[in-house]
Amino acid sequence: MKISEIQEKILKLKKELDFCILVHAYQTHDIVEIADFVGDSFGLAQKAAACPNKNIMMCGVRFMAETVKILSPEKRVFLPEPDAGCPMAEQLGYEELKKLREECPDHTVVCYINTTAKLKTLCDVCVTSSSAIKVIEGIENDKILFIPDCNLGDYTAKRLPQKSFRFINGGCPIHLRITAEDVALAKEKHPNALVALHPECRPNVTALADYVGSTTGIMDFARKSDAKEFIIGTESAIVSHLAIECPEKRFYPLHKELICKNMKLTTISSVYNTLLSTGGLAAPYGEEILIDDDTRTKAKRCIDEMLRLGG
């Protein structure tokens, strides 16, 4: 079949089977085209909670599907590719975090949304890359243990000097590939381009950016800017999406290897096969995300606190 034919079958099946398809912006454009919603992980989970569909498919990675289930326990949530994980979300173990809490009991434990449901049960507050500054600013305690990404933590800490931060040595392998030298070379090659970076990049890299923000923040910046050229310092799919959406502008990847292999495990065929499987029309494919009530309830507390503080 052609891609367009698979897409047509997916659109028909998702309606018949009452599915809402969530697609993270790092997915390829053929998957984006069959999405009900496209965006960042937490925003997608909120969309799922508000939609009427009883079945949700998360085209992303495991922690994102878990977040959907945490916010929508009454719905069935599916991950097309069970092996699609997030290295950052898995960097810190449950027992390690328990030990850290014991070592600094006077700290408020703040976790990035890029963490497992189990790890969230030990955390006080959750944040996203776009809400971290506002949420942490609203925490009464001035001592913060931020996990797992020390780069997002450092970016936040520099803007909240009234707080004292403690970090672990964690981060996103994709964004960690970007160096200050990469930025200098890209600027030399494209001197008229603005540099837009994700805060998961190293501090000496984000210091060179014209804009720093979440994935959707970067896309909004590029859409609304009067500039015509942009160097994009995040997953390469964003370059492709923006080039299609804004053909009058030029977008350049900051590094040729900014490809999340976990995200790319999901394909248009994965989506199709998961729908067929769920409808009993083919052999089992994908995985239904199940979280026990105790874990879900405890994990949701830190998310609720984020929303209370304005996240």
Protein backbone atom coordinates (compact mmCIF):
# COMPACT_ATOMS: atom_id res chain seq x y z
CA MET A 1 0.00 0.00 0.00
CA LYS A 2 0.99 3.61 -0.44
CA ILE A 3 1.38 5.78 2.64
CA SER A 4 -1.74 7.74 1.70
CA GLU A 5 -3.73 4.50 1.53
CA ILE A 6 -2.57 3.44 5.00
CA GLN A 7 -3.45 6.89 6.31
CA GLU A 8 -6.96 6.61 4.88
CA LYS A 9 -7.44 3.22 6.55
CA ILE A 10 -6.20 4.63 9.87
CA LEU A 11 -8.62 7.55 9.71
CA LYS A 12 -11.48 5.13 9.06
CA LEU A 13 -10.45 2.68 11.79
CA LYS A 14 -9.89 5.28 14.49
CA LYS A 15 -13.42 6.56 13.95
CA GLU A 16 -14.93 3.08 14.00
CA LEU A 17 -12.97 2.06 17.12
CA ASP A 18 -13.44 5.37 18.99
CA PHE A 19 -9.74 6.26 19.12
CA CYS A 20 -8.05 9.59 19.73
CA ILE A 21 -4.52 9.57 18.27
CA LEU A 22 -1.95 11.71 20.06
CA VAL A 23 1.28 12.43 18.21
CA HIS A 24 4.38 13.92 19.77
CA ALA A 25 6.05 16.51 17.55
CA TYR A 26 9.17 14.35 17.20
CA GLN A 27 7.26 11.84 15.08
CA THR A 28 7.56 11.78 11.30
CA HIS A 29 5.19 13.87 9.20
CA ASP A 30 3.17 10.94 7.84
CA ILE A 31 2.12 10.18 11.42
CA VAL A 32 1.49 13.85 12.21
CA GLU A 33 -0.99 13.94 9.34
CA ILE A 34 -3.30 11.33 10.93
CA ALA A 35 -3.19 12.85 14.43
CA ASP A 36 -6.08 14.29 16.39
CA PHE A 37 -3.58 16.32 18.39
CA VAL A 38 0.13 17.10 17.94
CA GLY A 39 2.34 18.65 20.59
CA ASP A 40 4.46 18.16 23.71
CA SER A 41 3.91 15.26 26.11
CA PHE A 42 1.91 16.90 28.90
CA GLY A 43 -0.20 19.03 26.60
CA LEU A 44 -1.18 15.87 24.74
CA ALA A 45 -2.12 14.13 27.99
CA GLN A 46 -4.42 17.04 28.83
CA LYS A 47 -6.01 16.82 25.39
CA ALA A 48 -6.65 13.11 25.96
CA ALA A 49 -8.30 13.79 29.31
CA ALA A 50 -10.63 16.32 27.73
CA CYS A 51 -11.59 14.35 24.61
CA PRO A 52 -14.68 12.09 24.57
CA ASN A 53 -12.96 9.03 23.08
CA LYS A 54 -12.68 5.89 25.18
CA ASN A 55 -9.45 4.74 23.51
CA ILE A 56 -6.20 6.72 23.26
CA MET A 57 -3.12 5.97 21.21
CA MET A 58 0.09 7.78 22.18
CA CYS A 59 2.56 7.98 19.31
CA GLY A 60 5.53 8.83 21.45
CA VAL A 61 7.44 7.06 24.22
CA ARG A 62 6.42 5.14 27.32
CA PHE A 63 6.48 7.89 29.96
CA MET A 64 4.15 9.92 27.74
CA ALA A 65 1.65 7.07 27.51
CA GLU A 66 1.91 6.63 31.29
CA THR A 67 1.09 10.32 31.79
CA VAL A 68 -1.99 9.91 29.62
CA LYS A 69 -3.12 6.97 31.77
CA ILE A 70 -2.45 8.89 34.99
CA LEU A 71 -4.76 11.70 33.85
CA SER A 72 -7.33 9.39 32.20
CA PRO A 73 -7.61 6.16 34.24
CA GLU A 74 -11.03 5.38 32.81
CA LYS A 75 -9.69 5.21 29.24
CA ARG A 76 -7.70 2.53 27.47
CA VAL A 77 -4.27 3.83 26.50
CA PHE A 78 -2.08 2.19 23.87
CA LEU A 79 1.59 2.56 22.94
CA PRO A 80 2.19 1.29 19.37
CA GLU A 81 5.80 0.27 20.02
CA PRO A 82 6.42 -1.16 23.53
CA ASP A 83 10.20 -0.71 23.22
CA ALA A 84 9.85 3.04 22.69
CA GLY A 85 11.32 4.33 25.93
CA CYS A 86 13.09 7.51 27.01
CA PRO A 87 16.71 7.23 28.20
CA MET A 88 16.33 10.29 30.38
CA ALA A 89 13.18 8.99 32.05
CA GLU A 90 15.01 5.79 32.92
CA GLN A 91 18.30 7.30 34.15
CA LEU A 92 17.34 7.46 37.81
CA GLY A 93 16.03 4.40 39.63
CA TYR A 94 13.34 4.27 42.30
CA GLU A 95 15.73 3.16 45.06
CA GLU A 96 18.27 5.81 44.05
CA LEU A 97 15.67 8.54 44.42
CA LYS A 98 14.56 7.15 47.79
CA LYS A 99 18.17 7.44 48.95
CA LEU A 100 18.46 10.99 47.63
CA ARG A 101 15.32 11.98 49.52
CA GLU A 102 16.81 10.56 52.70
CA GLU A 103 20.04 12.50 52.12
CA CYS A 104 18.26 15.83 51.73
CA PRO A 105 14.91 15.65 53.58
CA ASP A 106 14.64 19.45 53.66
CA HIS A 107 14.49 19.69 49.84
CA THR A 108 11.35 19.76 47.70
CA VAL A 109 11.73 17.06 45.05
CA VAL A 110 10.86 18.40 41.61
CA CYS A 111 10.69 16.02 38.68
CA TYR A 112 10.68 16.81 35.00
CA ILE A 113 7.68 15.31 33.19
CA ASN A 114 10.24 13.03 31.48
CA THR A 115 10.16 10.50 34.33
CA THR A 116 8.43 7.17 34.86
CA ALA A 117 5.13 6.89 36.70
CA LYS A 118 6.90 4.94 39.46
CA LEU A 119 9.49 7.67 39.96
CA LYS A 120 6.79 10.33 40.11
CA THR A 121 5.33 8.61 43.20
CA LEU A 122 8.38 9.84 45.16
CA CYS A 123 8.23 13.42 43.90
CA ASP A 124 6.57 16.51 45.33
CA VAL A 125 6.08 18.58 42.20
CA CYS A 126 6.24 17.87 38.47
CA VAL A 127 7.27 20.40 35.79
CA THR A 128 7.45 20.66 32.02
CA SER A 129 10.18 22.49 30.13
CA SER A 130 7.81 25.40 29.56
CA SER A 131 6.42 25.59 33.11
CA ALA A 132 9.52 24.85 35.23
CA ILE A 133 10.41 28.46 36.06
CA LYS A 134 6.89 29.52 37.00
CA VAL A 135 6.11 26.39 38.99
CA ILE A 136 9.35 26.28 40.98
CA GLU A 137 9.11 30.00 41.66
CA GLY A 138 5.78 29.29 43.36
CA ILE A 139 7.20 26.59 45.68
CA GLU A 140 7.51 27.96 49.23
CA ASN A 141 10.66 25.98 50.00
CA ASP A 142 13.88 27.54 48.69
CA LYS A 143 15.71 24.18 48.54
CA ILE A 144 15.03 22.19 45.38
CA LEU A 145 16.18 18.71 44.35
CA PHE A 146 15.63 18.70 40.59
CA ILE A 147 15.56 15.41 38.66
CA PRO A 148 16.58 14.07 36.22
CA ASP A 149 17.81 16.68 33.71
CA CYS A 150 20.57 18.85 35.14
CA ASN A 151 20.56 21.07 32.03
CA LEU A 152 16.91 22.06 32.29
CA GLY A 153 17.57 22.36 36.02
CA ASP A 154 20.51 24.70 35.46
CA TYR A 155 18.53 26.79 32.96
CA THR A 156 15.76 27.14 35.55
CA ALA A 157 18.13 27.81 38.46
CA LYS A 158 19.82 30.71 36.63
CA ARG A 159 16.45 32.42 36.42
CA LEU A 160 15.55 31.74 40.05
CA PRO A 161 18.63 32.89 42.03
CA GLN A 162 16.55 33.03 45.20
CA LYS A 163 16.35 29.22 45.17
CA SER A 164 19.05 26.69 46.01
CA PHE A 165 19.20 23.74 43.58
CA ARG A 166 20.65 20.28 43.79
CA PHE A 167 20.93 18.15 40.63
CA ILE A 168 21.85 14.67 39.48
CA ASN A 169 23.98 14.06 36.40
CA GLY A 170 21.09 13.31 34.03
CA GLY A 171 19.95 14.57 30.68
CA CYS A 172 18.74 13.88 27.15
CA PRO A 173 21.32 12.04 25.02
CA ILE A 174 20.03 13.78 21.89
CA HIS A 175 20.33 17.33 23.18
CA LEU A 176 23.62 16.54 24.93
CA ARG A 177 25.19 15.95 21.52
CA ILE A 178 24.98 19.67 20.73
CA THR A 179 28.11 21.66 21.54
CA ALA A 180 28.93 25.35 21.50
CA GLU A 181 31.21 24.59 18.54
CA ASP A 182 28.21 23.17 16.65
CA VAL A 183 26.34 26.45 17.19
CA ALA A 184 29.35 28.50 16.01
CA LEU A 185 29.70 26.39 12.86
CA ALA A 186 25.98 26.59 12.08
CA LYS A 187 26.02 30.38 12.53
CA GLU A 188 29.03 30.63 10.25
CA LYS A 189 27.21 28.62 7.60
CA HIS A 190 23.90 30.45 8.05
CA PRO A 191 24.78 33.95 9.36
CA ASN A 192 21.25 35.33 8.94
CA ALA A 193 19.54 32.50 10.81
CA LEU A 194 18.17 32.73 14.35
CA VAL A 195 19.13 29.92 16.73
CA ALA A 196 16.27 28.19 18.57
CA LEU A 197 17.22 25.61 21.20
CA HIS A 198 15.63 23.32 23.75
CA PRO A 199 16.54 23.93 27.44
CA GLU A 200 17.72 20.31 27.65
CA CYS A 201 20.87 21.52 25.86
CA ARG A 202 24.05 22.25 27.84
CA PRO A 203 24.27 25.66 29.57
CA ASN A 204 27.10 26.92 27.33
CA VAL A 205 24.93 26.01 24.32
CA THR A 206 21.67 27.67 25.42
CA ALA A 207 23.70 30.79 26.23
CA LEU A 208 24.24 31.21 22.48
CA ALA A 209 20.59 30.92 21.47
CA ASP A 210 18.22 33.60 20.21
CA TYR A 211 15.36 31.60 21.67
CA VAL A 212 15.20 28.80 24.25
CA GLY A 213 12.00 26.87 24.83
CA SER A 214 9.97 23.68 24.65
CA THR A 215 9.34 21.89 21.38
CA THR A 216 6.02 23.64 20.83
CA GLY A 217 7.64 26.88 22.00
CA ILE A 218 10.33 26.57 19.35
CA MET A 219 7.73 25.91 16.66
CA ASP A 220 5.58 28.87 17.75
CA PHE A 221 8.67 31.12 17.80
CA ALA A 222 9.59 30.13 14.25
CA ARG A 223 6.02 30.52 12.98
CA LYS A 224 5.52 33.99 14.43
CA SER A 225 9.00 35.44 13.87
CA ASP A 226 9.61 37.87 11.00
CA ALA A 227 12.95 36.16 10.41
CA LYS A 228 13.28 33.94 7.34
CA GLU A 229 15.99 31.51 8.49
CA PHE A 230 16.29 29.37 11.62
CA ILE A 231 18.82 26.95 13.07
CA ILE A 232 16.86 24.37 15.08
CA GLY A 233 18.53 22.74 18.09
CA THR A 234 16.18 19.90 18.90
CA GLU A 235 14.97 16.64 17.30
CA SER A 236 15.25 16.73 13.51
CA ALA A 237 11.53 16.11 12.94
CA ILE A 238 10.88 19.71 13.97
CA VAL A 239 12.92 20.93 11.00
CA SER A 240 10.79 18.81 8.66
CA HIS A 241 7.47 19.93 10.17
CA LEU A 242 8.37 23.62 10.07
CA ALA A 243 9.67 23.39 6.51
CA ILE A 244 6.33 21.94 5.38
CA GLU A 245 4.26 24.35 7.46
CA CYS A 246 6.27 27.47 6.56
CA PRO A 247 7.63 26.91 3.03
CA GLU A 248 8.55 30.56 2.68
CA LYS A 249 11.13 30.15 5.48
CA ARG A 250 14.31 28.09 5.74
CA PHE A 251 15.08 25.71 8.60
CA TYR A 252 18.44 24.06 9.30
CA PRO A 253 19.24 21.28 11.79
CA LEU A 254 21.91 22.31 14.26
CA HIS A 255 23.41 18.82 14.18
CA LYS A 256 22.86 16.04 11.64
CA GLU A 257 22.46 13.38 14.35
CA LEU A 258 19.61 14.93 16.35
CA ILE A 259 17.42 11.89 15.83
CA CYS A 260 15.59 10.17 18.69
CA LYS A 261 15.72 6.47 17.82
CA ASN A 262 13.04 5.70 20.39
CA MET A 263 10.61 8.13 18.78
CA LYS A 264 11.39 6.76 15.35
CA LEU A 265 10.43 3.22 16.41
CA THR A 266 6.83 4.27 15.84
CA THR A 267 5.86 4.19 12.17
CA ILE A 268 2.67 4.68 10.23
CA SER A 269 2.49 0.87 10.04
CA SER A 270 2.78 0.66 13.85
CA VAL A 271 -0.26 2.87 14.19
CA TYR A 272 -2.22 0.88 11.62
CA ASN A 273 -1.32 -2.50 13.11
CA THR A 274 -2.20 -1.38 16.63
CA LEU A 275 -5.63 -0.26 15.49
CA LEU A 276 -6.19 -3.55 13.64
CA SER A 277 -5.10 -5.49 16.72
CA THR A 278 -7.32 -3.55 19.09
CA GLY A 279 -10.26 -4.08 16.78
CA GLY A 280 -9.63 -7.83 16.73
CA LEU A 281 -8.77 -7.69 13.04
CA ALA A 282 -5.13 -8.83 13.28
CA ALA A 283 -2.59 -10.45 15.56
CA PRO A 284 -1.65 -8.60 18.78
CA TYR A 285 0.38 -5.46 18.24
CA GLY A 286 1.37 -2.61 20.53
CA GLU A 287 0.78 -2.53 24.27
CA GLU A 288 -2.02 -1.34 26.49
CA ILE A 289 -0.61 0.80 29.30
CA LEU A 290 -1.79 -0.40 32.70
CA ILE A 291 -0.95 1.33 36.00
CA ASP A 292 -2.20 0.08 39.36
CA ASP A 293 -4.40 2.51 41.29
CA ASP A 294 -1.89 3.08 44.10
CA THR A 295 0.92 4.06 41.71
CA ARG A 296 -1.38 6.18 39.58
CA THR A 297 -2.81 8.07 42.57
CA LYS A 298 0.61 8.76 44.08
CA ALA A 299 2.11 9.77 40.72
CA LYS A 300 -0.76 12.15 40.03
CA ARG A 301 -0.09 14.15 43.21
CA CYS A 302 3.03 15.82 41.83
CA ILE A 303 1.18 16.63 38.59
CA ASP A 304 -1.73 18.13 40.52
CA GLU A 305 0.73 20.24 42.47
CA MET A 306 2.25 21.50 39.21
CA LEU A 307 -1.19 22.57 38.03
CA ARG A 308 -1.94 24.22 41.38
CA LEU A 309 1.23 26.26 41.09
CA GLY A 310 0.33 27.38 37.60
CA GLY A 311 1.96 24.83 35.32
